[in-house]
Amino acid sequence: MDALKRIAIASSVIYSTVSSYARRAGMTIVDFMAIPKLARTFDVRIEEKSGN
């Protein structure tokens, strides 16, 4: 099983979403339900960036 498939299973995010995020240098469209799941899988925090 490839790494992206394992990430998709571990994060409960569909494979096509994980695969498309992995191929992109930047993102103009994101799945806001997938991002927190992926963050938990990689044990990273998401912080809100202040405009000030």
C-alpha atoms as a PDB file:
ATOM      1  CA  MET A   1       0.000   0.000   0.000  1.00  0.00           C
ATOM      2  CA  ASP A   2       1.414   3.381  -0.923  1.00  0.00           C
ATOM      3  CA  ALA A   3       1.990   6.221   1.542  1.00  0.00           C
ATOM      4  CA  LEU A   4      -0.886   8.379   0.301  1.00  0.00           C
ATOM      5  CA  LYS A   5      -3.328   5.483   0.666  1.00  0.00           C
ATOM      6  CA  ARG A   6      -2.142   4.951   4.268  1.00  0.00           C
ATOM      7  CA  ILE A   7      -2.566   8.671   5.003  1.00  0.00           C
ATOM      8  CA  ALA A   8      -6.073   8.621   3.539  1.00  0.00           C
ATOM      9  CA  ILE A   9      -7.040   5.652   5.700  1.00  0.00           C
ATOM     10  CA  ALA A  10      -5.434   7.061   8.866  1.00  0.00           C
ATOM     11  CA  SER A  11      -7.057  10.463   8.450  1.00  0.00           C
ATOM     12  CA  SER A  12     -10.449   9.273   7.131  1.00  0.00           C
ATOM     13  CA  VAL A  13     -10.017  11.610   4.167  1.00  0.00           C
ATOM     14  CA  ILE A  14     -10.818  10.242   0.726  1.00  0.00           C
ATOM     15  CA  TYR A  15      -7.779   9.186  -1.296  1.00  0.00           C
ATOM     16  CA  SER A  16      -8.436  11.572  -4.198  1.00  0.00           C
ATOM     17  CA  THR A  17      -8.323  14.549  -1.814  1.00  0.00           C
ATOM     18  CA  VAL A  18      -5.062  13.421  -0.204  1.00  0.00           C
ATOM     19  CA  SER A  19      -3.572  12.686  -3.616  1.00  0.00           C
ATOM     20  CA  SER A  20      -4.543  16.051  -5.096  1.00  0.00           C
ATOM     21  CA  TYR A  21      -3.152  17.937  -2.074  1.00  0.00           C
ATOM     22  CA  ALA A  22       0.129  16.034  -2.345  1.00  0.00           C
ATOM     23  CA  ARG A  23       0.568  16.944  -6.014  1.00  0.00           C
ATOM     24  CA  ARG A  24      -0.095  20.674  -5.671  1.00  0.00           C
ATOM     25  CA  ALA A  25       2.518  23.304  -4.915  1.00  0.00           C
ATOM     26  CA  GLY A  26      -0.246  25.589  -3.620  1.00  0.00           C
ATOM     27  CA  MET A  27      -3.953  25.350  -3.010  1.00  0.00           C
ATOM     28  CA  THR A  28      -6.683  27.700  -4.167  1.00  0.00           C
ATOM     29  CA  ILE A  29      -9.505  25.410  -3.047  1.00  0.00           C
ATOM     30  CA  VAL A  30      -9.424  23.362   0.150  1.00  0.00           C
ATOM     31  CA  ASP A  31     -11.772  20.947   1.845  1.00  0.00           C
ATOM     32  CA  PHE A  32     -12.201  22.502   5.281  1.00  0.00           C
ATOM     33  CA  MET A  33     -13.416  19.191   6.671  1.00  0.00           C
ATOM     34  CA  ALA A  34     -10.263  17.391   5.488  1.00  0.00           C
ATOM     35  CA  ILE A  35      -7.684  19.849   6.823  1.00  0.00           C
ATOM     36  CA  PRO A  36      -8.318  19.215  10.575  1.00  0.00           C
ATOM     37  CA  LYS A  37      -8.339  15.446   9.980  1.00  0.00           C
ATOM     38  CA  LEU A  38      -5.005  15.620   8.174  1.00  0.00           C
ATOM     39  CA  ALA A  39      -3.568  17.877  10.877  1.00  0.00           C
ATOM     40  CA  ARG A  40      -4.526  15.344  13.576  1.00  0.00           C
ATOM     41  CA  THR A  41      -2.989  12.533  11.535  1.00  0.00           C
ATOM     42  CA  PHE A  42       0.333  14.393  11.341  1.00  0.00           C
ATOM     43  CA  ASP A  43       0.021  15.687  14.923  1.00  0.00           C
ATOM     44  CA  VAL A  44       0.203  19.366  13.952  1.00  0.00           C
ATOM     45  CA  ARG A  45      -1.781  22.329  15.226  1.00  0.00           C
ATOM     46  CA  ILE A  46      -3.818  24.700  13.106  1.00  0.00           C
ATOM     47  CA  GLU A  47      -3.726  28.277  14.312  1.00  0.00           C
ATOM     48  CA  GLU A  48      -5.676  31.262  13.152  1.00  0.00           C
ATOM     49  CA  LYS A  49      -3.387  33.942  11.788  1.00  0.00           C
ATOM     50  CA  SER A  50      -4.198  37.430  13.034  1.00  0.00           C
ATOM     51  CA  GLY A  51      -4.307  40.251  10.517  1.00  0.00           C
ATOM     52  CA  ASN A  52      -2.623  42.608  12.987  1.00  0.00           C
END
